[in-house]
Amino acid sequence: MDKKQRLNALEVALNNEMREREFYLKHAGRTSNPVGKAMFKEIADDELEHYERLKQLHEKWEKTEKWPETLPLSVKQTNIKNILKSTVKKVDEMHEADNDDLKAIEIAIEFEAKGTEFYQGLRDACTDPREKAFFGLLAGIEREHYLSLKDAEEYLQDPESWFTKSERHGLDGA
């Protein structure tokens, strides 16, 4: 990947991260389901951090046309996989998911799958080990969002089965 392609890829990533953040915030504000609200809010916060890191990278890259030597490009690890379990424990009663909640999660799952693929592609196109590691980290976080959203989708569609699976209850009486 040449310098121009790399800069264009960063611009695409910036636009995607901000668009996804807006989507998650919109649905966090819209839903009355505490699980959906917590999941969407947490992912929106993660996407904002990705945006900020990518913006710093883009600015440095534009000036120097190379991977920055001094810019700290780590991102915090996502807490998304704990959100569903901790939120469910705090909820006194199960809230029914409406069709809008489920549709939003389906769209979010698609976002995260595409994001994972996009960052994996950037990682694979890079030769600089720091660049590879950074895009690999972003791909991993997007994948974790994807898996957590799939888990939330399962919870919202069938809470009883989700509880049985997540609590690892056996049905054999043992």
C-alpha atoms as a PDB file:
ATOM      1  CA  MET A   1       0.000   0.000   0.000  1.00  0.00           C
ATOM      2  CA  ASP A   2       1.502   3.343  -1.001  1.00  0.00           C
ATOM      3  CA  LYS A   3       1.379   6.565   1.031  1.00  0.00           C
ATOM      4  CA  LYS A   4      -1.673   7.976  -0.759  1.00  0.00           C
ATOM      5  CA  GLN A   5      -3.616   4.720  -0.331  1.00  0.00           C
ATOM      6  CA  ARG A   6      -2.661   4.610   3.341  1.00  0.00           C
ATOM      7  CA  LEU A   7      -3.844   8.183   3.901  1.00  0.00           C
ATOM      8  CA  ASN A   8      -7.098   7.433   2.064  1.00  0.00           C
ATOM      9  CA  ALA A   9      -7.599   4.321   4.205  1.00  0.00           C
ATOM     10  CA  LEU A  10      -7.153   6.404   7.351  1.00  0.00           C
ATOM     11  CA  GLU A  11      -9.751   8.885   6.086  1.00  0.00           C
ATOM     12  CA  VAL A  12     -12.195   6.041   5.457  1.00  0.00           C
ATOM     13  CA  ALA A  13     -11.498   4.696   8.960  1.00  0.00           C
ATOM     14  CA  LEU A  14     -12.091   8.137  10.502  1.00  0.00           C
ATOM     15  CA  ASN A  15     -15.422   8.510   8.718  1.00  0.00           C
ATOM     16  CA  ASN A  16     -16.500   4.990   9.669  1.00  0.00           C
ATOM     17  CA  GLU A  17     -15.610   5.391  13.345  1.00  0.00           C
ATOM     18  CA  MET A  18     -17.535   8.665  13.651  1.00  0.00           C
ATOM     19  CA  ARG A  19     -20.550   7.366  11.711  1.00  0.00           C
ATOM     20  CA  GLU A  20     -20.662   4.246  13.883  1.00  0.00           C
ATOM     21  CA  ARG A  21     -20.330   6.307  17.086  1.00  0.00           C
ATOM     22  CA  GLU A  22     -23.304   8.447  16.048  1.00  0.00           C
ATOM     23  CA  PHE A  23     -25.309   5.305  15.294  1.00  0.00           C
ATOM     24  CA  TYR A  24     -24.538   3.794  18.712  1.00  0.00           C
ATOM     25  CA  LEU A  25     -25.331   7.017  20.587  1.00  0.00           C
ATOM     26  CA  LYS A  26     -28.626   7.394  18.727  1.00  0.00           C
ATOM     27  CA  HIS A  27     -29.696   3.885  19.674  1.00  0.00           C
ATOM     28  CA  ALA A  28     -28.417   4.169  23.246  1.00  0.00           C
ATOM     29  CA  GLY A  29     -30.699   7.187  23.644  1.00  0.00           C
ATOM     30  CA  ARG A  30     -33.642   5.564  21.884  1.00  0.00           C
ATOM     31  CA  THR A  31     -33.826   2.171  23.563  1.00  0.00           C
ATOM     32  CA  SER A  32     -35.457   1.592  26.931  1.00  0.00           C
ATOM     33  CA  ASN A  33     -33.779  -1.793  27.232  1.00  0.00           C
ATOM     34  CA  PRO A  34     -30.944  -1.482  29.805  1.00  0.00           C
ATOM     35  CA  VAL A  35     -28.837  -4.128  28.068  1.00  0.00           C
ATOM     36  CA  GLY A  36     -29.080  -2.418  24.695  1.00  0.00           C
ATOM     37  CA  LYS A  37     -28.474   1.000  26.253  1.00  0.00           C
ATOM     38  CA  ALA A  38     -25.311  -0.157  28.073  1.00  0.00           C
ATOM     39  CA  MET A  39     -23.939  -2.027  25.051  1.00  0.00           C
ATOM     40  CA  PHE A  40     -24.523   0.846  22.636  1.00  0.00           C
ATOM     41  CA  LYS A  41     -23.030   3.397  25.045  1.00  0.00           C
ATOM     42  CA  GLU A  42     -19.893   1.332  25.668  1.00  0.00           C
ATOM     43  CA  ILE A  43     -19.277   0.709  21.978  1.00  0.00           C
ATOM     44  CA  ALA A  44     -19.867   4.419  21.213  1.00  0.00           C
ATOM     45  CA  ASP A  45     -17.155   5.279  23.754  1.00  0.00           C
ATOM     46  CA  ASP A  46     -14.787   2.750  22.165  1.00  0.00           C
ATOM     47  CA  GLU A  47     -15.459   4.166  18.701  1.00  0.00           C
ATOM     48  CA  LEU A  48     -14.709   7.694  19.924  1.00  0.00           C
ATOM     49  CA  GLU A  49     -11.356   6.562  21.252  1.00  0.00           C
ATOM     50  CA  HIS A  50     -10.564   4.827  17.956  1.00  0.00           C
ATOM     51  CA  TYR A  51     -11.499   8.026  16.140  1.00  0.00           C
ATOM     52  CA  GLU A  52      -9.205  10.140  18.330  1.00  0.00           C
ATOM     53  CA  ARG A  53      -6.228   7.810  17.825  1.00  0.00           C
ATOM     54  CA  LEU A  54      -6.826   7.594  14.087  1.00  0.00           C
ATOM     55  CA  LYS A  55      -7.151  11.385  13.882  1.00  0.00           C
ATOM     56  CA  GLN A  56      -3.792  11.837  15.631  1.00  0.00           C
ATOM     57  CA  LEU A  57      -2.267   9.284  13.299  1.00  0.00           C
ATOM     58  CA  HIS A  58      -3.795  10.942  10.235  1.00  0.00           C
ATOM     59  CA  GLU A  59      -2.462  14.381  11.222  1.00  0.00           C
ATOM     60  CA  LYS A  60       1.059  13.059  11.817  1.00  0.00           C
ATOM     61  CA  TRP A  61       0.977  10.949   8.664  1.00  0.00           C
ATOM     62  CA  GLU A  62      -0.153  13.921   6.568  1.00  0.00           C
ATOM     63  CA  LYS A  63       2.808  15.976   7.808  1.00  0.00           C
ATOM     64  CA  THR A  64       5.558  13.364   7.661  1.00  0.00           C
ATOM     65  CA  GLU A  65       4.151  10.768   5.212  1.00  0.00           C
ATOM     66  CA  LYS A  66       5.381   7.953   7.418  1.00  0.00           C
ATOM     67  CA  TRP A  67       4.384   6.054  10.513  1.00  0.00           C
ATOM     68  CA  PRO A  68       4.937   8.392  13.492  1.00  0.00           C
ATOM     69  CA  GLU A  69       7.863   7.674  15.779  1.00  0.00           C
ATOM     70  CA  THR A  70       6.526   9.531  18.824  1.00  0.00           C
ATOM     71  CA  LEU A  71       2.751   9.279  18.711  1.00  0.00           C
ATOM     72  CA  PRO A  72       1.357   6.871  21.312  1.00  0.00           C
ATOM     73  CA  LEU A  73      -0.953   4.722  19.230  1.00  0.00           C
ATOM     74  CA  SER A  74      -2.252   2.269  21.753  1.00  0.00           C
ATOM     75  CA  VAL A  75      -5.965   2.142  22.431  1.00  0.00           C
ATOM     76  CA  LYS A  76      -7.648   1.010  25.603  1.00  0.00           C
ATOM     77  CA  GLN A  77      -8.974  -2.494  25.566  1.00  0.00           C
ATOM     78  CA  THR A  78     -12.720  -2.711  25.269  1.00  0.00           C
ATOM     79  CA  ASN A  79     -14.840  -3.715  28.235  1.00  0.00           C
ATOM     80  CA  ILE A  80     -17.714  -4.758  26.014  1.00  0.00           C
ATOM     81  CA  LYS A  81     -17.740  -8.471  26.844  1.00  0.00           C
ATOM     82  CA  ASN A  82     -18.402  -7.672  30.505  1.00  0.00           C
ATOM     83  CA  ILE A  83     -21.176  -5.172  29.804  1.00  0.00           C
ATOM     84  CA  LEU A  84     -23.875  -7.717  28.946  1.00  0.00           C
ATOM     85  CA  LYS A  85     -23.244  -9.909  31.988  1.00  0.00           C
ATOM     86  CA  SER A  86     -22.904  -7.026  34.462  1.00  0.00           C
ATOM     87  CA  THR A  87     -25.961  -5.208  33.116  1.00  0.00           C
ATOM     88  CA  VAL A  88     -28.131  -8.316  33.169  1.00  0.00           C
ATOM     89  CA  LYS A  89     -27.178  -8.913  36.831  1.00  0.00           C
ATOM     90  CA  LYS A  90     -28.304  -5.390  37.774  1.00  0.00           C
ATOM     91  CA  VAL A  91     -31.649  -5.566  36.003  1.00  0.00           C
ATOM     92  CA  ASP A  92     -34.543  -6.550  38.265  1.00  0.00           C
ATOM     93  CA  GLU A  93     -36.788  -7.616  35.437  1.00  0.00           C
ATOM     94  CA  MET A  94     -36.217  -8.539  31.839  1.00  0.00           C
ATOM     95  CA  HIS A  95     -37.212  -5.895  29.360  1.00  0.00           C
ATOM     96  CA  GLU A  96     -38.587  -7.040  26.083  1.00  0.00           C
ATOM     97  CA  ALA A  97     -36.534  -6.002  23.125  1.00  0.00           C
ATOM     98  CA  ASP A  98     -38.501  -4.263  20.439  1.00  0.00           C
ATOM     99  CA  ASN A  99     -37.947  -4.753  16.734  1.00  0.00           C
ATOM    100  CA  ASP A 100     -35.970  -1.502  16.561  1.00  0.00           C
ATOM    101  CA  ASP A 101     -33.513  -2.809  19.184  1.00  0.00           C
ATOM    102  CA  LEU A 102     -32.997  -6.038  17.287  1.00  0.00           C
ATOM    103  CA  LYS A 103     -32.682  -4.243  13.940  1.00  0.00           C
ATOM    104  CA  ALA A 104     -30.118  -1.853  15.455  1.00  0.00           C
ATOM    105  CA  ILE A 105     -28.103  -4.786  16.772  1.00  0.00           C
ATOM    106  CA  GLU A 106     -28.244  -6.490  13.367  1.00  0.00           C
ATOM    107  CA  ILE A 107     -26.906  -3.303  11.728  1.00  0.00           C
ATOM    108  CA  ALA A 108     -24.249  -2.968  14.424  1.00  0.00           C
ATOM    109  CA  ILE A 109     -23.152  -6.569  13.898  1.00  0.00           C
ATOM    110  CA  GLU A 110     -22.697  -5.798  10.203  1.00  0.00           C
ATOM    111  CA  PHE A 111     -20.710  -2.617  11.038  1.00  0.00           C
ATOM    112  CA  GLU A 112     -18.386  -4.528  13.318  1.00  0.00           C
ATOM    113  CA  ALA A 113     -17.870  -7.389  10.857  1.00  0.00           C
ATOM    114  CA  LYS A 114     -16.931  -4.891   8.146  1.00  0.00           C
ATOM    115  CA  GLY A 115     -14.718  -2.974  10.576  1.00  0.00           C
ATOM    116  CA  THR A 116     -12.886  -6.157  11.535  1.00  0.00           C
ATOM    117  CA  GLU A 117     -12.311  -6.995   7.885  1.00  0.00           C
ATOM    118  CA  PHE A 118     -11.209  -3.437   7.062  1.00  0.00           C
ATOM    119  CA  TYR A 119      -8.612  -3.252   9.844  1.00  0.00           C
ATOM    120  CA  GLN A 120      -7.373  -6.768   9.081  1.00  0.00           C
ATOM    121  CA  GLY A 121      -6.849  -5.639   5.497  1.00  0.00           C
ATOM    122  CA  LEU A 122      -4.882  -2.591   6.633  1.00  0.00           C
ATOM    123  CA  ARG A 123      -2.846  -4.765   8.981  1.00  0.00           C
ATOM    124  CA  ASP A 124      -2.068  -7.245   6.238  1.00  0.00           C
ATOM    125  CA  ALA A 125      -1.085  -4.499   3.769  1.00  0.00           C
ATOM    126  CA  CYS A 126       1.456  -2.940   6.157  1.00  0.00           C
ATOM    127  CA  THR A 127       5.116  -3.780   6.509  1.00  0.00           C
ATOM    128  CA  ASP A 128       5.969  -1.655   9.563  1.00  0.00           C
ATOM    129  CA  PRO A 129       5.579  -3.861  12.688  1.00  0.00           C
ATOM    130  CA  ARG A 130       4.131  -0.979  14.764  1.00  0.00           C
ATOM    131  CA  GLU A 131       1.583  -0.261  12.074  1.00  0.00           C
ATOM    132  CA  LYS A 132       0.681  -3.952  11.810  1.00  0.00           C
ATOM    133  CA  ALA A 133       0.267  -4.188  15.582  1.00  0.00           C
ATOM    134  CA  PHE A 134      -1.927  -1.077  15.758  1.00  0.00           C
ATOM    135  CA  PHE A 135      -4.309  -2.162  13.002  1.00  0.00           C
ATOM    136  CA  GLY A 136      -4.302  -5.694  14.397  1.00  0.00           C
ATOM    137  CA  LEU A 137      -5.374  -4.306  17.764  1.00  0.00           C
ATOM    138  CA  LEU A 138      -8.217  -2.338  16.164  1.00  0.00           C
ATOM    139  CA  ALA A 139      -9.301  -5.430  14.208  1.00  0.00           C
ATOM    140  CA  GLY A 140      -9.333  -7.432  17.445  1.00  0.00           C
ATOM    141  CA  ILE A 141     -11.460  -4.858  19.257  1.00  0.00           C
ATOM    142  CA  GLU A 142     -13.921  -4.678  16.362  1.00  0.00           C
ATOM    143  CA  ARG A 143     -14.122  -8.497  16.449  1.00  0.00           C
ATOM    144  CA  GLU A 144     -14.805  -8.393  20.178  1.00  0.00           C
ATOM    145  CA  HIS A 145     -17.598  -5.864  19.565  1.00  0.00           C
ATOM    146  CA  TYR A 146     -19.006  -8.190  16.901  1.00  0.00           C
ATOM    147  CA  LEU A 147     -19.009 -11.207  19.224  1.00  0.00           C
ATOM    148  CA  SER A 148     -20.516  -9.226  22.100  1.00  0.00           C
ATOM    149  CA  LEU A 149     -23.262  -7.877  19.868  1.00  0.00           C
ATOM    150  CA  LYS A 150     -24.039 -11.417  18.689  1.00  0.00           C
ATOM    151  CA  ASP A 151     -24.278 -12.397  22.365  1.00  0.00           C
ATOM    152  CA  ALA A 152     -26.591  -9.431  23.069  1.00  0.00           C
ATOM    153  CA  GLU A 153     -28.713 -10.364  20.066  1.00  0.00           C
ATOM    154  CA  GLU A 154     -29.102 -13.875  21.460  1.00  0.00           C
ATOM    155  CA  TYR A 155     -30.023 -12.464  24.886  1.00  0.00           C
ATOM    156  CA  LEU A 156     -32.634 -10.096  23.450  1.00  0.00           C
ATOM    157  CA  GLN A 157     -34.193 -12.797  21.256  1.00  0.00           C
ATOM    158  CA  ASP A 158     -34.340 -15.512  23.918  1.00  0.00           C
ATOM    159  CA  PRO A 159     -33.265 -14.436  27.427  1.00  0.00           C
ATOM    160  CA  GLU A 160     -34.084 -17.779  29.034  1.00  0.00           C
ATOM    161  CA  SER A 161     -31.855 -19.741  26.672  1.00  0.00           C
ATOM    162  CA  TRP A 162     -29.144 -17.129  27.000  1.00  0.00           C
ATOM    163  CA  PHE A 163     -29.212 -17.480  30.791  1.00  0.00           C
ATOM    164  CA  THR A 164     -29.082 -21.267  30.535  1.00  0.00           C
ATOM    165  CA  LYS A 165     -26.055 -21.086  28.241  1.00  0.00           C
ATOM    166  CA  SER A 166     -24.238 -18.286  30.083  1.00  0.00           C
ATOM    167  CA  GLU A 167     -24.757 -19.811  33.510  1.00  0.00           C
ATOM    168  CA  ARG A 168     -23.688 -23.191  32.124  1.00  0.00           C
ATOM    169  CA  HIS A 169     -26.570 -25.002  33.764  1.00  0.00           C
ATOM    170  CA  GLY A 170     -26.879 -28.633  32.910  1.00  0.00           C
ATOM    171  CA  LEU A 171     -30.217 -30.083  32.061  1.00  0.00           C
ATOM    172  CA  ASP A 172     -29.265 -33.590  33.175  1.00  0.00           C
ATOM    173  CA  GLY A 173     -30.010 -32.975  36.863  1.00  0.00           C
ATOM    174  CA  ALA A 174     -26.368 -33.277  37.908  1.00  0.00           C
END
